[in-house]
Amino acid sequence: LAALERQIFDFLGFQWAPILGNFLQIIVVILGLFGTIQFRPRYIVVYTVWTALWVTWNVFIICFYLEVGGLSKETDLMTFNISMHRSWWREHGPGCIRRVVRPSSPGILDDYSYVSVTGCIIDFQYLEVIHSAIQILLSV
């Protein structure tokens, strides 16, 4: 359920790398449950290997959002450099007040706007870190 919840919020933010990872997590968990119930050793081995990869991925996400080792949360790495979308929590976190500011320059398209976010109870990067930490705890 935690992976499904995370999948929904990653879809809202158009973060394609986490969407792919969450999808694989959901599939492998189903295979792992099936392998455990039916006692299929190969499925259990696949689940065990995937769990190690899943923990590694979540550690990477924690490092990414905390900007450890030269990583920057401002890059388009999570969207495969396809778009400029960011974490959904950036603008919709608890207590956040989102204000859309239309540019006043006549040369800029009318549908393009700047978003100002203030008053967040907890910053978005910490929400992403919490999500990844929960995934790690559930995996162990």
N, C-alpha and C. Protein backbone atom coordinates (compact mmCIF):
# COMPACT_ATOMS: atom_id res chain seq x y z
N LEU A 1 0.81 -1.20 0.00
CA LEU A 1 0.00 0.00 0.00
C LEU A 1 0.85 1.26 0.00
N ALA A 2 1.98 1.21 0.70
CA ALA A 2 2.86 2.38 0.75
C ALA A 2 3.44 2.68 -0.62
N ALA A 3 3.79 1.64 -1.38
CA ALA A 3 4.31 1.86 -2.74
C ALA A 3 3.24 2.42 -3.65
N LEU A 4 2.02 1.97 -3.48
CA LEU A 4 0.90 2.48 -4.30
C LEU A 4 0.64 3.95 -3.98
N GLU A 5 0.66 4.30 -2.70
CA GLU A 5 0.48 5.70 -2.30
C GLU A 5 1.59 6.57 -2.89
N ARG A 6 2.79 6.08 -2.82
CA ARG A 6 3.92 6.84 -3.38
C ARG A 6 3.81 6.95 -4.89
N GLN A 7 3.33 5.91 -5.53
CA GLN A 7 3.13 5.92 -6.98
C GLN A 7 2.17 7.03 -7.39
N ILE A 8 1.11 7.18 -6.65
CA ILE A 8 0.10 8.21 -6.96
C ILE A 8 0.72 9.60 -6.91
N PHE A 9 1.48 9.90 -5.86
CA PHE A 9 2.06 11.23 -5.73
C PHE A 9 3.18 11.47 -6.74
N ASP A 10 3.89 10.41 -7.13
CA ASP A 10 4.91 10.57 -8.18
C ASP A 10 4.25 10.82 -9.53
N PHE A 11 3.11 10.20 -9.78
CA PHE A 11 2.36 10.49 -11.01
C PHE A 11 1.89 11.94 -11.03
N LEU A 12 1.44 12.44 -9.90
CA LEU A 12 0.99 13.83 -9.83
C LEU A 12 2.13 14.81 -10.12
N GLY A 13 3.36 14.43 -9.79
CA GLY A 13 4.51 15.28 -10.04
C GLY A 13 5.23 14.96 -11.33
N PHE A 14 4.74 13.99 -12.09
CA PHE A 14 5.35 13.56 -13.36
C PHE A 14 6.82 13.21 -13.18
N GLN A 15 7.13 12.49 -12.12
CA GLN A 15 8.50 12.05 -11.86
C GLN A 15 8.63 10.62 -12.39
N TRP A 16 9.18 10.50 -13.59
CA TRP A 16 9.15 9.23 -14.31
C TRP A 16 10.06 8.16 -13.72
N ALA A 17 11.22 8.52 -13.21
CA ALA A 17 12.12 7.51 -12.62
C ALA A 17 11.48 6.85 -11.39
N PRO A 18 10.94 7.61 -10.45
CA PRO A 18 10.27 6.95 -9.32
C PRO A 18 9.01 6.19 -9.73
N ILE A 19 8.31 6.66 -10.76
CA ILE A 19 7.12 5.94 -11.23
C ILE A 19 7.52 4.55 -11.71
N LEU A 20 8.60 4.47 -12.47
CA LEU A 20 9.08 3.19 -12.97
C LEU A 20 9.51 2.29 -11.80
N GLY A 21 10.24 2.86 -10.85
CA GLY A 21 10.67 2.08 -9.68
C GLY A 21 9.50 1.58 -8.85
N ASN A 22 8.51 2.44 -8.62
CA ASN A 22 7.33 2.03 -7.85
C ASN A 22 6.55 0.94 -8.55
N PHE A 23 6.43 1.06 -9.87
CA PHE A 23 5.72 0.04 -10.65
C PHE A 23 6.41 -1.31 -10.50
N LEU A 24 7.73 -1.32 -10.64
CA LEU A 24 8.48 -2.57 -10.48
C LEU A 24 8.33 -3.12 -9.06
N GLN A 25 8.34 -2.23 -8.08
CA GLN A 25 8.16 -2.66 -6.68
C GLN A 25 6.82 -3.36 -6.49
N ILE A 26 5.76 -2.78 -7.03
CA ILE A 26 4.43 -3.38 -6.88
C ILE A 26 4.39 -4.75 -7.54
N ILE A 27 4.94 -4.87 -8.75
CA ILE A 27 4.96 -6.16 -9.47
C ILE A 27 5.76 -7.20 -8.70
N VAL A 28 6.95 -6.83 -8.24
CA VAL A 28 7.81 -7.80 -7.55
C VAL A 28 7.22 -8.20 -6.20
N VAL A 29 6.55 -7.30 -5.51
CA VAL A 29 5.90 -7.67 -4.25
C VAL A 29 4.81 -8.70 -4.51
N ILE A 30 4.05 -8.51 -5.58
CA ILE A 30 3.02 -9.50 -5.94
C ILE A 30 3.67 -10.85 -6.24
N LEU A 31 4.76 -10.83 -7.02
CA LEU A 31 5.48 -12.08 -7.33
C LEU A 31 6.06 -12.70 -6.06
N GLY A 32 6.58 -11.87 -5.16
CA GLY A 32 7.13 -12.38 -3.91
C GLY A 32 6.07 -13.03 -3.04
N LEU A 33 4.90 -12.41 -2.96
CA LEU A 33 3.81 -13.00 -2.20
C LEU A 33 3.36 -14.32 -2.82
N PHE A 34 3.25 -14.33 -4.15
CA PHE A 34 2.87 -15.56 -4.85
C PHE A 34 3.92 -16.65 -4.62
N GLY A 35 5.21 -16.27 -4.71
CA GLY A 35 6.28 -17.24 -4.51
C GLY A 35 6.31 -17.79 -3.10
N THR A 36 5.97 -16.95 -2.14
CA THR A 36 5.94 -17.41 -0.74
C THR A 36 4.77 -18.34 -0.50
N ILE A 37 3.60 -17.97 -1.00
CA ILE A 37 2.41 -18.80 -0.80
C ILE A 37 2.55 -20.14 -1.52
N GLN A 38 3.05 -20.12 -2.75
CA GLN A 38 3.19 -21.34 -3.55
C GLN A 38 4.53 -22.03 -3.34
N PHE A 39 5.38 -21.46 -2.51
CA PHE A 39 6.75 -21.91 -2.28
C PHE A 39 7.49 -22.13 -3.59
N ARG A 40 7.66 -21.05 -4.30
CA ARG A 40 8.46 -21.02 -5.54
C ARG A 40 9.78 -20.34 -5.21
N PRO A 41 10.84 -21.11 -5.03
CA PRO A 41 12.13 -20.54 -4.61
C PRO A 41 12.66 -19.46 -5.55
N ARG A 42 12.47 -19.61 -6.85
CA ARG A 42 12.97 -18.61 -7.80
C ARG A 42 12.31 -17.25 -7.57
N TYR A 43 11.02 -17.26 -7.31
CA TYR A 43 10.32 -15.99 -7.06
C TYR A 43 10.80 -15.35 -5.76
N ILE A 44 11.08 -16.19 -4.77
CA ILE A 44 11.58 -15.67 -3.50
C ILE A 44 12.97 -15.06 -3.68
N VAL A 45 13.81 -15.71 -4.49
CA VAL A 45 15.14 -15.16 -4.77
C VAL A 45 15.02 -13.84 -5.53
N VAL A 46 14.13 -13.78 -6.52
CA VAL A 46 13.92 -12.53 -7.25
C VAL A 46 13.46 -11.43 -6.30
N TYR A 47 12.55 -11.77 -5.41
CA TYR A 47 12.06 -10.78 -4.45
C TYR A 47 13.19 -10.31 -3.53
N THR A 48 14.03 -11.22 -3.08
CA THR A 48 15.14 -10.87 -2.20
C THR A 48 16.14 -9.94 -2.89
N VAL A 49 16.48 -10.26 -4.14
CA VAL A 49 17.40 -9.41 -4.90
C VAL A 49 16.77 -8.04 -5.15
N TRP A 50 15.49 -8.04 -5.51
CA TRP A 50 14.81 -6.77 -5.76
C TRP A 50 14.74 -5.92 -4.49
N THR A 51 14.54 -6.55 -3.35
CA THR A 51 14.47 -5.80 -2.10
C THR A 51 15.79 -5.08 -1.83
N ALA A 52 16.91 -5.72 -2.13
CA ALA A 52 18.21 -5.06 -1.97
C ALA A 52 18.31 -3.86 -2.92
N LEU A 53 17.85 -4.03 -4.17
CA LEU A 53 17.85 -2.92 -5.13
C LEU A 53 16.90 -1.81 -4.70
N TRP A 54 15.76 -2.18 -4.15
CA TRP A 54 14.75 -1.21 -3.70
C TRP A 54 15.29 -0.37 -2.54
N VAL A 55 15.97 -1.01 -1.61
CA VAL A 55 16.58 -0.28 -0.49
C VAL A 55 17.65 0.67 -1.03
N THR A 56 18.46 0.20 -1.97
CA THR A 56 19.49 1.06 -2.58
C THR A 56 18.86 2.25 -3.28
N TRP A 57 17.78 2.02 -4.03
CA TRP A 57 17.08 3.11 -4.72
C TRP A 57 16.56 4.15 -3.72
N ASN A 58 15.99 3.69 -2.63
CA ASN A 58 15.46 4.61 -1.63
C ASN A 58 16.56 5.37 -0.91
N VAL A 59 17.70 4.74 -0.70
CA VAL A 59 18.84 5.46 -0.13
C VAL A 59 19.29 6.54 -1.11
N PHE A 60 19.30 6.23 -2.41
CA PHE A 60 19.65 7.23 -3.42
C PHE A 60 18.67 8.40 -3.39
N ILE A 61 17.38 8.12 -3.28
CA ILE A 61 16.38 9.19 -3.23
C ILE A 61 16.60 10.07 -2.00
N ILE A 62 16.91 9.45 -0.87
CA ILE A 62 17.20 10.23 0.33
C ILE A 62 18.41 11.14 0.09
N CYS A 63 19.47 10.57 -0.49
CA CYS A 63 20.66 11.37 -0.79
C CYS A 63 20.35 12.46 -1.81
N PHE A 64 19.51 12.16 -2.78
CA PHE A 64 19.14 13.13 -3.82
C PHE A 64 18.44 14.33 -3.21
N TYR A 65 17.43 14.10 -2.38
CA TYR A 65 16.67 15.21 -1.82
C TYR A 65 17.41 15.95 -0.70
N LEU A 66 18.37 15.29 -0.06
CA LEU A 66 19.18 15.98 0.94
C LEU A 66 20.45 16.57 0.33
N GLU A 67 20.60 16.39 -0.99
CA GLU A 67 21.71 16.93 -1.77
C GLU A 67 23.07 16.48 -1.23
N VAL A 68 23.20 15.17 -1.04
CA VAL A 68 24.43 14.58 -0.55
C VAL A 68 25.32 14.26 -1.75
N GLY A 69 26.60 14.52 -1.63
CA GLY A 69 27.57 14.12 -2.65
C GLY A 69 27.40 14.78 -4.00
N GLY A 70 27.05 16.02 -4.03
CA GLY A 70 26.95 16.73 -5.31
C GLY A 70 25.63 16.56 -6.03
N LEU A 71 24.71 15.81 -5.48
CA LEU A 71 23.38 15.67 -6.08
C LEU A 71 22.59 16.94 -5.81
N SER A 72 21.68 17.29 -6.71
CA SER A 72 20.87 18.48 -6.53
C SER A 72 19.42 18.17 -6.83
N LYS A 73 18.55 18.52 -5.91
CA LYS A 73 17.11 18.28 -6.11
C LYS A 73 16.53 19.19 -7.17
N GLU A 74 17.29 20.18 -7.62
CA GLU A 74 16.82 21.11 -8.65
C GLU A 74 17.02 20.58 -10.07
N THR A 75 17.70 19.45 -10.23
CA THR A 75 17.91 18.88 -11.56
C THR A 75 16.67 18.12 -12.01
N ASP A 76 16.63 17.80 -13.29
CA ASP A 76 15.51 17.04 -13.86
C ASP A 76 15.82 15.54 -13.90
N LEU A 77 16.64 15.07 -12.99
CA LEU A 77 17.05 13.68 -12.96
C LEU A 77 15.86 12.74 -12.76
N MET A 78 14.93 13.09 -11.91
CA MET A 78 13.79 12.21 -11.62
C MET A 78 12.79 12.15 -12.77
N THR A 79 12.88 13.06 -13.71
CA THR A 79 11.97 13.04 -14.86
C THR A 79 12.70 12.60 -16.12
N PHE A 80 13.89 12.01 -15.96
CA PHE A 80 14.74 11.60 -17.09
C PHE A 80 15.06 12.77 -18.02
N ASN A 81 15.12 13.97 -17.51
CA ASN A 81 15.39 15.20 -18.28
C ASN A 81 14.39 15.42 -19.40
N ILE A 82 13.18 14.89 -19.25
CA ILE A 82 12.12 15.06 -20.24
C ILE A 82 11.36 16.35 -19.99
N SER A 83 11.13 16.67 -18.73
CA SER A 83 10.32 17.83 -18.40
C SER A 83 10.89 18.51 -17.17
N MET A 84 10.29 19.63 -16.80
CA MET A 84 10.75 20.38 -15.64
C MET A 84 9.85 20.15 -14.42
N HIS A 85 9.15 19.04 -14.37
CA HIS A 85 8.28 18.76 -13.24
C HIS A 85 9.10 18.40 -12.01
N ARG A 86 8.55 18.66 -10.89
CA ARG A 86 9.21 18.41 -9.61
C ARG A 86 8.27 17.61 -8.71
N SER A 87 8.71 17.41 -7.51
CA SER A 87 7.90 16.70 -6.53
C SER A 87 6.55 17.40 -6.34
N TRP A 88 5.49 16.62 -6.28
CA TRP A 88 4.16 17.17 -6.07
C TRP A 88 4.10 17.87 -4.72
N TRP A 89 4.87 17.38 -3.77
CA TRP A 89 4.87 17.94 -2.42
C TRP A 89 5.46 19.34 -2.38
N ARG A 90 6.22 19.74 -3.40
CA ARG A 90 6.84 21.07 -3.43
C ARG A 90 5.80 22.18 -3.33
N GLU A 91 4.68 22.00 -4.01
CA GLU A 91 3.64 23.03 -4.02
C GLU A 91 2.41 22.67 -3.20
N HIS A 92 2.27 21.41 -2.81
CA HIS A 92 1.04 20.96 -2.16
C HIS A 92 1.29 20.32 -0.81
N GLY A 93 2.40 20.62 -0.17
CA GLY A 93 2.70 20.05 1.13
C GLY A 93 1.77 20.56 2.21
N PRO A 94 1.84 19.96 3.39
CA PRO A 94 0.95 20.40 4.47
C PRO A 94 1.24 21.84 4.88
N GLY A 95 0.20 22.64 4.87
CA GLY A 95 0.30 24.04 5.26
C GLY A 95 0.81 24.98 4.19
N CYS A 96 1.17 24.46 3.03
CA CYS A 96 1.74 25.30 1.97
C CYS A 96 0.67 26.21 1.35
N ILE A 97 1.04 27.45 1.16
CA ILE A 97 0.17 28.41 0.48
C ILE A 97 0.79 28.65 -0.89
N ARG A 98 0.07 28.25 -1.91
CA ARG A 98 0.56 28.32 -3.29
C ARG A 98 -0.02 29.55 -3.95
N ARG A 99 0.86 30.38 -4.53
CA ARG A 99 0.41 31.59 -5.21
C ARG A 99 0.98 31.60 -6.62
N VAL A 100 0.10 31.71 -7.61
CA VAL A 100 0.51 31.75 -9.00
C VAL A 100 0.68 33.20 -9.40
N VAL A 101 1.85 33.51 -9.95
CA VAL A 101 2.15 34.87 -10.38
C VAL A 101 2.32 34.85 -11.90
N ARG A 102 1.47 35.60 -12.59
CA ARG A 102 1.57 35.70 -14.05
C ARG A 102 2.67 36.70 -14.41
N PRO A 103 3.53 36.35 -15.36
CA PRO A 103 4.55 37.30 -15.77
C PRO A 103 3.93 38.50 -16.50
N SER A 104 4.51 39.65 -16.25
CA SER A 104 3.95 40.87 -16.84
C SER A 104 4.58 41.23 -18.18
N SER A 105 5.63 40.54 -18.57
CA SER A 105 6.29 40.84 -19.85
C SER A 105 5.41 40.42 -21.01
N PRO A 106 5.28 41.26 -22.04
CA PRO A 106 4.42 40.91 -23.17
C PRO A 106 4.97 39.79 -24.04
N GLY A 107 6.27 39.52 -23.98
CA GLY A 107 6.86 38.49 -24.83
C GLY A 107 6.69 37.08 -24.29
N ILE A 108 6.23 36.95 -23.07
CA ILE A 108 6.09 35.63 -22.45
C ILE A 108 4.67 35.11 -22.68
N LEU A 109 4.57 33.83 -22.94
CA LEU A 109 3.26 33.23 -23.20
C LEU A 109 2.32 33.42 -22.02
N ASP A 110 1.03 33.56 -22.31
CA ASP A 110 0.03 33.80 -21.27
C ASP A 110 -0.15 32.62 -20.31
N ASP A 111 0.05 31.39 -20.80
CA ASP A 111 -0.19 30.24 -19.94
C ASP A 111 1.01 29.91 -19.05
N TYR A 112 2.11 30.61 -19.24
CA TYR A 112 3.29 30.37 -18.43
C TYR A 112 3.23 31.23 -17.17
N SER A 113 3.44 30.63 -16.01
CA SER A 113 3.36 31.39 -14.77
C SER A 113 4.42 30.90 -13.80
N TYR A 114 4.68 31.74 -12.82
CA TYR A 114 5.61 31.41 -11.75
C TYR A 114 4.79 31.04 -10.53
N VAL A 115 5.31 30.09 -9.76
CA VAL A 115 4.59 29.65 -8.58
C VAL A 115 5.42 30.01 -7.35
N SER A 116 4.78 30.67 -6.42
CA SER A 116 5.40 31.03 -5.16
C SER A 116 4.75 30.19 -4.06
N VAL A 117 5.56 29.53 -3.26
CA VAL A 117 5.04 28.68 -2.18
C VAL A 117 5.61 29.17 -0.86
N THR A 118 4.72 29.40 0.09
CA THR A 118 5.16 29.86 1.42
C THR A 118 4.36 29.14 2.50
N GLY A 119 4.86 29.20 3.71
CA GLY A 119 4.12 28.71 4.87
C GLY A 119 4.07 27.21 5.06
N CYS A 120 4.93 26.46 4.41
CA CYS A 120 4.89 25.01 4.55
C CYS A 120 5.30 24.59 5.96
N ILE A 121 4.56 23.65 6.52
CA ILE A 121 4.89 23.13 7.84
C ILE A 121 6.18 22.32 7.78
N ILE A 122 6.32 21.53 6.72
CA ILE A 122 7.52 20.72 6.51
C ILE A 122 7.90 20.84 5.03
N ASP A 123 9.18 21.07 4.77
CA ASP A 123 9.64 21.23 3.39
C ASP A 123 9.46 19.93 2.61
N PHE A 124 9.27 20.08 1.29
CA PHE A 124 8.96 18.93 0.44
C PHE A 124 10.07 17.89 0.44
N GLN A 125 11.32 18.31 0.51
CA GLN A 125 12.40 17.33 0.46
C GLN A 125 12.37 16.41 1.67
N TYR A 126 11.93 16.94 2.81
CA TYR A 126 11.84 16.09 4.00
C TYR A 126 10.67 15.12 3.91
N LEU A 127 9.60 15.53 3.23
CA LEU A 127 8.48 14.60 2.99
C LEU A 127 8.94 13.45 2.08
N GLU A 128 9.71 13.78 1.05
CA GLU A 128 10.24 12.73 0.17
C GLU A 128 11.19 11.80 0.93
N VAL A 129 12.01 12.36 1.79
CA VAL A 129 12.93 11.55 2.60
C VAL A 129 12.13 10.64 3.53
N ILE A 130 11.07 11.16 4.13
CA ILE A 130 10.23 10.35 5.01
C ILE A 130 9.60 9.19 4.24
N HIS A 131 9.10 9.47 3.02
CA HIS A 131 8.52 8.41 2.19
C HIS A 131 9.56 7.32 1.91
N SER A 132 10.77 7.72 1.56
CA SER A 132 11.82 6.73 1.27
C SER A 132 12.22 5.96 2.52
N ALA A 133 12.30 6.65 3.65
CA ALA A 133 12.65 5.96 4.89
C ALA A 133 11.60 4.93 5.27
N ILE A 134 10.34 5.26 5.06
CA ILE A 134 9.26 4.30 5.33
C ILE A 134 9.38 3.09 4.41
N GLN A 135 9.72 3.32 3.14
CA GLN A 135 9.91 2.21 2.21
C GLN A 135 11.05 1.31 2.66
N ILE A 136 12.13 1.92 3.14
CA ILE A 136 13.27 1.12 3.63
C ILE A 136 12.86 0.30 4.85
N LEU A 137 12.16 0.93 5.79
CA LEU A 137 11.72 0.21 7.00
C LEU A 137 10.78 -0.94 6.65
N LEU A 138 9.88 -0.73 5.70
CA LEU A 138 8.97 -1.80 5.32
C LEU A 138 9.70 -2.92 4.58
N SER A 139 10.77 -2.59 3.90
CA SER A 139 11.55 -3.61 3.18
C SER A 139 12.36 -4.49 4.13
N VAL A 140 12.79 -3.90 5.22
CA VAL A 140 13.61 -4.66 6.18
C VAL A 140 12.67 -5.45 7.04
